[in-house]
Amino acid sequence: MSDAKPRKPFTAASTQPHSEVEADSSTSTSAGQATGTLRARIARESRTNRITATVLTGVCALALTLILTGLVVSLATGDRTARGLPLTALGSQRGTGSLLLGIGVITLATAPALGVITTVARWLKAGEWRYALVATLVAALLVGGAFLG
């Protein structure tokens, strides 16, 4: 039989086993603070994810509503012809159904950029400047790509 004391389980709060952490009270205090900071950061990120998911769900629901309404209006007016819709000709289409379909598709295309912009706003509020800067560049690329085609 071994005379060694059984070790307590390993935790994510520290990279050392509990017995070594408990030996030094300053390490124990800083580990507790680190755990609290980590939990607060995880809670903040979780809230950011929920807000972003809500925005994306709302935009997609709006786009779906517009597309389905446009489809119903097009079918009700007898317009059963599928044709390309350039952005410059969006307002000059024959019917309201085509206009609603076009707006619905554009709304759906803006969803990723709106999700990134929402995340940028949350990161700026939290003081995460690096993440916000990178995400702003991503949003700029998404918006620029949409306009360049």
N, C-alpha and C. Protein backbone atom coordinates (compact mmCIF):
# COMPACT_ATOMS: atom_id res chain seq x y z
N MET A 1 0.82 -1.18 0.00
CA MET A 1 0.00 0.00 0.00
C MET A 1 0.87 1.24 0.00
N SER A 2 0.34 2.27 -0.58
CA SER A 2 1.08 3.51 -0.69
C SER A 2 0.74 4.43 0.47
N ASP A 3 1.75 5.17 0.97
CA ASP A 3 1.54 6.12 2.06
C ASP A 3 1.18 7.51 1.53
N ALA A 4 1.15 7.70 0.23
CA ALA A 4 0.87 9.02 -0.35
C ALA A 4 -0.60 9.38 -0.15
N LYS A 5 -0.83 10.68 0.08
CA LYS A 5 -2.21 11.15 0.24
C LYS A 5 -2.89 11.19 -1.12
N PRO A 6 -4.16 10.84 -1.18
CA PRO A 6 -4.87 10.93 -2.46
C PRO A 6 -5.01 12.40 -2.87
N ARG A 7 -4.84 12.68 -4.13
CA ARG A 7 -4.95 14.05 -4.63
C ARG A 7 -6.39 14.38 -4.95
N LYS A 8 -6.71 15.66 -4.77
CA LYS A 8 -8.03 16.13 -5.14
C LYS A 8 -8.10 16.27 -6.66
N PRO A 9 -9.29 16.29 -7.23
CA PRO A 9 -9.42 16.35 -8.69
C PRO A 9 -8.83 17.64 -9.26
N PHE A 10 -8.42 17.53 -10.49
CA PHE A 10 -7.83 18.63 -11.24
C PHE A 10 -8.95 19.53 -11.75
N THR A 11 -8.79 20.85 -11.64
CA THR A 11 -9.84 21.78 -12.10
C THR A 11 -9.32 22.69 -13.20
N ALA A 12 -10.24 23.31 -13.92
CA ALA A 12 -9.88 24.23 -14.98
C ALA A 12 -9.46 25.59 -14.43
N ALA A 13 -9.72 25.86 -13.15
CA ALA A 13 -9.39 27.15 -12.56
C ALA A 13 -7.88 27.32 -12.42
N SER A 14 -7.14 26.27 -12.42
CA SER A 14 -5.70 26.37 -12.27
C SER A 14 -5.05 25.25 -13.03
N THR A 15 -3.76 25.39 -13.26
CA THR A 15 -3.04 24.33 -13.96
C THR A 15 -2.30 23.43 -12.99
N GLN A 16 -2.57 23.61 -11.69
CA GLN A 16 -1.92 22.80 -10.67
C GLN A 16 -2.98 22.00 -9.91
N PRO A 17 -2.60 20.85 -9.36
CA PRO A 17 -3.55 20.12 -8.53
C PRO A 17 -3.90 20.95 -7.29
N HIS A 18 -5.06 20.68 -6.68
CA HIS A 18 -5.54 21.44 -5.53
C HIS A 18 -4.55 21.46 -4.38
N SER A 19 -3.88 20.34 -4.09
CA SER A 19 -3.01 20.29 -2.93
C SER A 19 -1.88 21.31 -3.05
N GLU A 20 -1.35 21.54 -4.26
CA GLU A 20 -0.30 22.53 -4.45
C GLU A 20 -0.86 23.94 -4.37
N VAL A 21 -2.09 24.14 -4.84
CA VAL A 21 -2.70 25.46 -4.79
C VAL A 21 -3.00 25.84 -3.34
N GLU A 22 -3.49 24.90 -2.56
CA GLU A 22 -3.84 25.19 -1.18
C GLU A 22 -2.61 25.47 -0.33
N ALA A 23 -1.45 25.01 -0.74
CA ALA A 23 -0.24 25.24 0.03
C ALA A 23 0.14 26.71 0.02
N ASP A 24 -0.18 27.44 -1.03
CA ASP A 24 0.16 28.85 -1.13
C ASP A 24 -1.14 29.65 -1.17
N SER A 25 -1.41 30.42 -0.12
CA SER A 25 -2.68 31.13 -0.03
C SER A 25 -2.82 32.21 -1.09
N SER A 26 -1.72 32.83 -1.51
CA SER A 26 -1.82 33.86 -2.55
C SER A 26 -2.23 33.25 -3.88
N THR A 27 -1.73 32.06 -4.18
CA THR A 27 -2.12 31.38 -5.41
C THR A 27 -3.59 31.00 -5.34
N SER A 28 -4.03 30.57 -4.17
CA SER A 28 -5.43 30.18 -4.00
C SER A 28 -6.35 31.38 -4.22
N THR A 29 -5.98 32.54 -3.70
CA THR A 29 -6.79 33.73 -3.86
C THR A 29 -6.82 34.15 -5.32
N SER A 30 -5.67 34.15 -5.99
CA SER A 30 -5.65 34.56 -7.39
C SER A 30 -6.38 33.55 -8.27
N ALA A 31 -6.34 32.27 -7.90
CA ALA A 31 -7.09 31.26 -8.66
C ALA A 31 -8.58 31.50 -8.52
N GLY A 32 -9.03 31.88 -7.32
CA GLY A 32 -10.45 32.19 -7.11
C GLY A 32 -10.87 33.41 -7.91
N GLN A 33 -10.01 34.42 -7.97
CA GLN A 33 -10.31 35.61 -8.75
C GLN A 33 -10.33 35.28 -10.24
N ALA A 34 -9.39 34.44 -10.66
CA ALA A 34 -9.35 34.05 -12.07
C ALA A 34 -10.60 33.28 -12.45
N THR A 35 -11.07 32.44 -11.54
CA THR A 35 -12.29 31.68 -11.81
C THR A 35 -13.49 32.62 -11.93
N GLY A 36 -13.58 33.61 -11.05
CA GLY A 36 -14.66 34.59 -11.12
C GLY A 36 -14.61 35.40 -12.40
N THR A 37 -13.40 35.81 -12.80
CA THR A 37 -13.23 36.57 -14.04
C THR A 37 -13.59 35.71 -15.25
N LEU A 38 -13.17 34.46 -15.22
CA LEU A 38 -13.49 33.56 -16.32
C LEU A 38 -15.00 33.34 -16.44
N ARG A 39 -15.65 33.15 -15.31
CA ARG A 39 -17.10 32.96 -15.32
C ARG A 39 -17.82 34.20 -15.85
N ALA A 40 -17.36 35.38 -15.44
CA ALA A 40 -17.98 36.63 -15.92
C ALA A 40 -17.78 36.77 -17.42
N ARG A 41 -16.60 36.41 -17.90
CA ARG A 41 -16.32 36.51 -19.33
C ARG A 41 -17.16 35.52 -20.13
N ILE A 42 -17.30 34.32 -19.60
CA ILE A 42 -18.13 33.31 -20.28
C ILE A 42 -19.59 33.76 -20.30
N ALA A 43 -20.07 34.35 -19.20
CA ALA A 43 -21.45 34.84 -19.16
C ALA A 43 -21.65 35.97 -20.16
N ARG A 44 -20.66 36.87 -20.28
CA ARG A 44 -20.74 37.97 -21.25
C ARG A 44 -20.78 37.43 -22.68
N GLU A 45 -19.92 36.47 -22.98
CA GLU A 45 -19.90 35.89 -24.32
C GLU A 45 -21.20 35.14 -24.62
N SER A 46 -21.73 34.48 -23.60
CA SER A 46 -22.99 33.76 -23.79
C SER A 46 -24.12 34.74 -24.11
N ARG A 47 -24.14 35.88 -23.42
CA ARG A 47 -25.15 36.90 -23.69
C ARG A 47 -24.97 37.47 -25.08
N THR A 48 -23.73 37.71 -25.49
CA THR A 48 -23.46 38.20 -26.84
C THR A 48 -23.96 37.21 -27.88
N ASN A 49 -23.71 35.94 -27.65
CA ASN A 49 -24.18 34.91 -28.59
C ASN A 49 -25.70 34.87 -28.67
N ARG A 50 -26.37 35.00 -27.51
CA ARG A 50 -27.84 35.00 -27.52
C ARG A 50 -28.40 36.20 -28.27
N ILE A 51 -27.81 37.37 -28.06
CA ILE A 51 -28.28 38.58 -28.75
C ILE A 51 -28.06 38.45 -30.24
N THR A 52 -26.88 37.98 -30.63
CA THR A 52 -26.59 37.81 -32.06
C THR A 52 -27.53 36.79 -32.68
N ALA A 53 -27.79 35.70 -32.00
CA ALA A 53 -28.72 34.69 -32.52
C ALA A 53 -30.13 35.25 -32.66
N THR A 54 -30.54 36.09 -31.72
CA THR A 54 -31.86 36.71 -31.81
C THR A 54 -31.95 37.64 -33.01
N VAL A 55 -30.91 38.43 -33.24
CA VAL A 55 -30.89 39.33 -34.40
C VAL A 55 -30.94 38.53 -35.69
N LEU A 56 -30.13 37.48 -35.78
CA LEU A 56 -30.11 36.66 -37.01
C LEU A 56 -31.46 35.97 -37.23
N THR A 57 -32.07 35.49 -36.16
CA THR A 57 -33.38 34.84 -36.29
C THR A 57 -34.43 35.85 -36.76
N GLY A 58 -34.39 37.05 -36.20
CA GLY A 58 -35.34 38.08 -36.60
C GLY A 58 -35.19 38.50 -38.05
N VAL A 59 -33.94 38.67 -38.49
CA VAL A 59 -33.69 39.06 -39.89
C VAL A 59 -34.14 37.94 -40.83
N CYS A 60 -33.83 36.72 -40.49
CA CYS A 60 -34.23 35.59 -41.35
C CYS A 60 -35.75 35.43 -41.38
N ALA A 61 -36.42 35.64 -40.25
CA ALA A 61 -37.88 35.56 -40.22
C ALA A 61 -38.50 36.66 -41.07
N LEU A 62 -37.93 37.87 -41.00
CA LEU A 62 -38.42 38.97 -41.84
C LEU A 62 -38.22 38.66 -43.32
N ALA A 63 -37.04 38.15 -43.66
CA ALA A 63 -36.76 37.81 -45.06
C ALA A 63 -37.71 36.72 -45.54
N LEU A 64 -37.93 35.71 -44.73
CA LEU A 64 -38.85 34.63 -45.11
C LEU A 64 -40.26 35.17 -45.32
N THR A 65 -40.69 36.05 -44.43
CA THR A 65 -42.03 36.64 -44.57
C THR A 65 -42.13 37.44 -45.87
N LEU A 66 -41.12 38.24 -46.17
CA LEU A 66 -41.14 39.03 -47.41
C LEU A 66 -41.14 38.13 -48.65
N ILE A 67 -40.31 37.10 -48.63
CA ILE A 67 -40.22 36.20 -49.79
C ILE A 67 -41.54 35.45 -49.99
N LEU A 68 -42.09 34.92 -48.91
CA LEU A 68 -43.36 34.19 -49.04
C LEU A 68 -44.50 35.11 -49.47
N THR A 69 -44.53 36.32 -48.92
CA THR A 69 -45.56 37.28 -49.32
C THR A 69 -45.41 37.65 -50.79
N GLY A 70 -44.17 37.87 -51.21
CA GLY A 70 -43.92 38.18 -52.62
C GLY A 70 -44.32 37.04 -53.53
N LEU A 71 -44.06 35.82 -53.09
CA LEU A 71 -44.45 34.65 -53.88
C LEU A 71 -45.96 34.55 -53.99
N VAL A 72 -46.66 34.72 -52.90
CA VAL A 72 -48.13 34.66 -52.92
C VAL A 72 -48.71 35.76 -53.78
N VAL A 73 -48.19 36.99 -53.66
CA VAL A 73 -48.70 38.10 -54.47
C VAL A 73 -48.42 37.85 -55.95
N SER A 74 -47.23 37.35 -56.26
CA SER A 74 -46.90 37.06 -57.66
C SER A 74 -47.82 35.99 -58.24
N LEU A 75 -48.05 34.94 -57.48
CA LEU A 75 -48.94 33.88 -57.96
C LEU A 75 -50.39 34.36 -58.06
N ALA A 76 -50.82 35.21 -57.14
CA ALA A 76 -52.19 35.71 -57.15
C ALA A 76 -52.45 36.64 -58.34
N THR A 77 -51.41 37.36 -58.77
CA THR A 77 -51.57 38.28 -59.90
C THR A 77 -51.31 37.60 -61.23
N GLY A 78 -50.96 36.33 -61.20
CA GLY A 78 -50.74 35.59 -62.43
C GLY A 78 -49.32 35.69 -62.98
N ASP A 79 -48.42 36.24 -62.22
CA ASP A 79 -47.02 36.37 -62.66
C ASP A 79 -46.28 35.08 -62.28
N ARG A 80 -46.07 34.24 -63.27
CA ARG A 80 -45.40 32.96 -63.03
C ARG A 80 -44.08 32.86 -63.78
N THR A 81 -43.51 33.99 -64.11
CA THR A 81 -42.26 34.02 -64.87
C THR A 81 -41.10 34.31 -63.93
N ALA A 82 -40.12 33.45 -63.94
CA ALA A 82 -38.92 33.68 -63.14
C ALA A 82 -37.91 34.46 -63.99
N ARG A 83 -37.40 35.55 -63.44
CA ARG A 83 -36.40 36.34 -64.15
C ARG A 83 -35.40 36.90 -63.16
N GLY A 84 -34.23 37.21 -63.68
CA GLY A 84 -33.18 37.80 -62.85
C GLY A 84 -33.58 39.18 -62.39
N LEU A 85 -33.07 39.57 -61.24
CA LEU A 85 -33.43 40.86 -60.67
C LEU A 85 -32.17 41.62 -60.27
N PRO A 86 -31.66 42.47 -61.17
CA PRO A 86 -30.51 43.29 -60.77
C PRO A 86 -30.93 44.33 -59.73
N LEU A 87 -30.02 44.71 -58.87
CA LEU A 87 -30.35 45.66 -57.81
C LEU A 87 -30.81 47.00 -58.36
N THR A 88 -30.25 47.41 -59.49
CA THR A 88 -30.62 48.71 -60.06
C THR A 88 -32.05 48.71 -60.59
N ALA A 89 -32.59 47.56 -60.91
CA ALA A 89 -33.95 47.48 -61.46
C ALA A 89 -34.97 47.01 -60.42
N LEU A 90 -34.60 47.06 -59.15
CA LEU A 90 -35.48 46.55 -58.11
C LEU A 90 -36.82 47.29 -58.07
N GLY A 91 -36.80 48.60 -58.16
CA GLY A 91 -38.03 49.38 -58.09
C GLY A 91 -38.80 49.44 -59.39
N SER A 92 -38.19 49.07 -60.50
CA SER A 92 -38.87 49.20 -61.80
C SER A 92 -39.54 47.91 -62.25
N GLN A 93 -39.67 46.93 -61.37
CA GLN A 93 -40.32 45.67 -61.75
C GLN A 93 -41.81 45.89 -61.94
N ARG A 94 -42.42 44.99 -62.68
CA ARG A 94 -43.85 45.13 -63.00
C ARG A 94 -44.75 45.07 -61.78
N GLY A 95 -44.49 44.14 -60.90
CA GLY A 95 -45.47 43.91 -59.85
C GLY A 95 -44.90 44.04 -58.46
N THR A 96 -45.82 44.11 -57.53
CA THR A 96 -45.47 44.19 -56.11
C THR A 96 -44.83 42.88 -55.65
N GLY A 97 -45.27 41.76 -56.20
CA GLY A 97 -44.72 40.47 -55.81
C GLY A 97 -43.23 40.37 -56.09
N SER A 98 -42.81 40.82 -57.27
CA SER A 98 -41.39 40.80 -57.60
C SER A 98 -40.59 41.72 -56.70
N LEU A 99 -41.17 42.87 -56.39
CA LEU A 99 -40.51 43.82 -55.49
C LEU A 99 -40.32 43.21 -54.11
N LEU A 100 -41.36 42.56 -53.57
CA LEU A 100 -41.27 41.92 -52.26
C LEU A 100 -40.26 40.77 -52.26
N LEU A 101 -40.26 40.00 -53.35
CA LEU A 101 -39.27 38.92 -53.46
C LEU A 101 -37.85 39.47 -53.44
N GLY A 102 -37.62 40.54 -54.20
CA GLY A 102 -36.30 41.15 -54.25
C GLY A 102 -35.86 41.70 -52.91
N ILE A 103 -36.76 42.40 -52.23
CA ILE A 103 -36.43 42.95 -50.91
C ILE A 103 -36.17 41.82 -49.91
N GLY A 104 -36.93 40.74 -50.02
CA GLY A 104 -36.72 39.59 -49.14
C GLY A 104 -35.36 38.94 -49.34
N VAL A 105 -34.95 38.81 -50.58
CA VAL A 105 -33.63 38.23 -50.87
C VAL A 105 -32.52 39.15 -50.37
N ILE A 106 -32.68 40.45 -50.57
CA ILE A 106 -31.67 41.42 -50.08
C ILE A 106 -31.61 41.38 -48.55
N THR A 107 -32.76 41.29 -47.91
CA THR A 107 -32.80 41.20 -46.44
C THR A 107 -32.07 39.95 -45.97
N LEU A 108 -32.29 38.85 -46.64
CA LEU A 108 -31.61 37.60 -46.28
C LEU A 108 -30.09 37.72 -46.49
N ALA A 109 -29.70 38.43 -47.54
CA ALA A 109 -28.27 38.60 -47.81
C ALA A 109 -27.59 39.49 -46.78
N THR A 110 -28.33 40.38 -46.13
CA THR A 110 -27.72 41.26 -45.12
C THR A 110 -27.59 40.60 -43.75
N ALA A 111 -28.20 39.44 -43.57
CA ALA A 111 -28.19 38.78 -42.26
C ALA A 111 -26.78 38.55 -41.71
N PRO A 112 -25.83 38.01 -42.48
CA PRO A 112 -24.49 37.80 -41.90
C PRO A 112 -23.83 39.10 -41.44
N ALA A 113 -23.96 40.15 -42.24
CA ALA A 113 -23.35 41.43 -41.86
C ALA A 113 -23.99 41.98 -40.60
N LEU A 114 -25.31 41.87 -40.48
CA LEU A 114 -25.98 42.35 -39.28
C LEU A 114 -25.57 41.55 -38.04
N GLY A 115 -25.36 40.25 -38.22
CA GLY A 115 -24.88 39.43 -37.10
C GLY A 115 -23.50 39.87 -36.65
N VAL A 116 -22.61 40.15 -37.59
CA VAL A 116 -21.26 40.59 -37.24
C VAL A 116 -21.31 41.98 -36.60
N ILE A 117 -22.14 42.87 -37.13
CA ILE A 117 -22.24 44.22 -36.57
C ILE A 117 -22.79 44.17 -35.14
N THR A 118 -23.73 43.29 -34.88
CA THR A 118 -24.25 43.13 -33.52
C THR A 118 -23.16 42.66 -32.57
N THR A 119 -22.36 41.72 -33.03
CA THR A 119 -21.27 41.22 -32.21
C THR A 119 -20.23 42.31 -31.97
N VAL A 120 -19.94 43.12 -32.99
CA VAL A 120 -19.00 44.23 -32.83
C VAL A 120 -19.49 45.19 -31.74
N ALA A 121 -20.77 45.52 -31.78
CA ALA A 121 -21.32 46.44 -30.78
C ALA A 121 -21.17 45.87 -29.36
N ARG A 122 -21.43 44.59 -29.20
CA ARG A 122 -21.29 43.97 -27.89
C ARG A 122 -19.83 43.94 -27.44
N TRP A 123 -18.90 43.66 -28.36
CA TRP A 123 -17.49 43.63 -27.99
C TRP A 123 -16.98 45.02 -27.66
N LEU A 124 -17.45 46.05 -28.36
CA LEU A 124 -17.06 47.41 -28.03
C LEU A 124 -17.57 47.78 -26.64
N LYS A 125 -18.77 47.38 -26.32
CA LYS A 125 -19.33 47.65 -24.98
C LYS A 125 -18.52 46.95 -23.90
N ALA A 126 -18.02 45.75 -24.20
CA ALA A 126 -17.24 44.99 -23.22
C ALA A 126 -15.78 45.41 -23.17
N GLY A 127 -15.36 46.29 -24.10
CA GLY A 127 -13.97 46.74 -24.12
C GLY A 127 -13.03 45.79 -24.84
N GLU A 128 -13.55 44.88 -25.63
CA GLU A 128 -12.73 43.93 -26.39
C GLU A 128 -12.38 44.57 -27.73
N TRP A 129 -11.41 45.47 -27.72
CA TRP A 129 -11.11 46.29 -28.90
C TRP A 129 -10.53 45.49 -30.06
N ARG A 130 -9.66 44.54 -29.75
CA ARG A 130 -9.05 43.74 -30.83
C ARG A 130 -10.10 42.94 -31.58
N TYR A 131 -10.95 42.26 -30.83
CA TYR A 131 -12.00 41.45 -31.47
C TYR A 131 -12.94 42.34 -32.28
N ALA A 132 -13.27 43.51 -31.72
CA ALA A 132 -14.17 44.43 -32.41
C ALA A 132 -13.55 44.92 -33.71
N LEU A 133 -12.25 45.20 -33.70
CA LEU A 133 -11.57 45.67 -34.91
C LEU A 133 -11.57 44.61 -36.00
N VAL A 134 -11.24 43.38 -35.63
CA VAL A 134 -11.22 42.30 -36.62
C VAL A 134 -12.63 42.05 -37.16
N ALA A 135 -13.62 42.04 -36.28
CA ALA A 135 -15.00 41.81 -36.72
C ALA A 135 -15.50 42.96 -37.59
N THR A 136 -15.05 44.19 -37.32
CA THR A 136 -15.41 45.33 -38.16
C THR A 136 -14.84 45.16 -39.56
N LEU A 137 -13.61 44.67 -39.65
CA LEU A 137 -13.03 44.40 -40.97
C LEU A 137 -13.82 43.32 -41.71
N VAL A 138 -14.26 42.30 -40.99
CA VAL A 138 -15.07 41.25 -41.61
C VAL A 138 -16.39 41.82 -42.11
N ALA A 139 -17.04 42.66 -41.29
CA ALA A 139 -18.30 43.28 -41.70
C ALA A 139 -18.09 44.16 -42.94
N ALA A 140 -16.97 44.90 -42.96
CA ALA A 140 -16.68 45.76 -44.12
C ALA A 140 -16.48 44.91 -45.38
N LEU A 141 -15.84 43.77 -45.24
CA LEU A 141 -15.66 42.87 -46.40
C LEU A 141 -17.00 42.31 -46.87
N LEU A 142 -17.87 41.96 -45.92
CA LEU A 142 -19.19 41.43 -46.30
C LEU A 142 -20.03 42.49 -47.02
N VAL A 143 -20.04 43.69 -46.48
CA VAL A 143 -20.83 44.77 -47.11
C VAL A 143 -20.21 45.17 -48.46
N GLY A 144 -18.89 45.28 -48.49
CA GLY A 144 -18.22 45.62 -49.76
C GLY A 144 -18.44 44.56 -50.81
N GLY A 145 -18.39 43.29 -50.41
CA GLY A 145 -18.63 42.20 -51.36
C GLY A 145 -20.06 42.21 -51.89
N ALA A 146 -20.99 42.62 -51.05
CA ALA A 146 -22.39 42.68 -51.49
C ALA A 146 -22.58 43.78 -52.54
N PHE A 147 -21.90 44.90 -52.35
CA PHE A 147 -22.06 45.99 -53.32
C PHE A 147 -21.26 45.77 -54.60
N LEU A 148 -20.15 45.07 -54.49
CA LEU A 148 -19.34 44.82 -55.68
C LEU A 148 -19.88 43.65 -56.50
N GLY A 149 -20.72 42.86 -55.87
CA GLY A 149 -21.36 41.77 -56.59
C GLY A 149 -20.58 40.54 -56.51
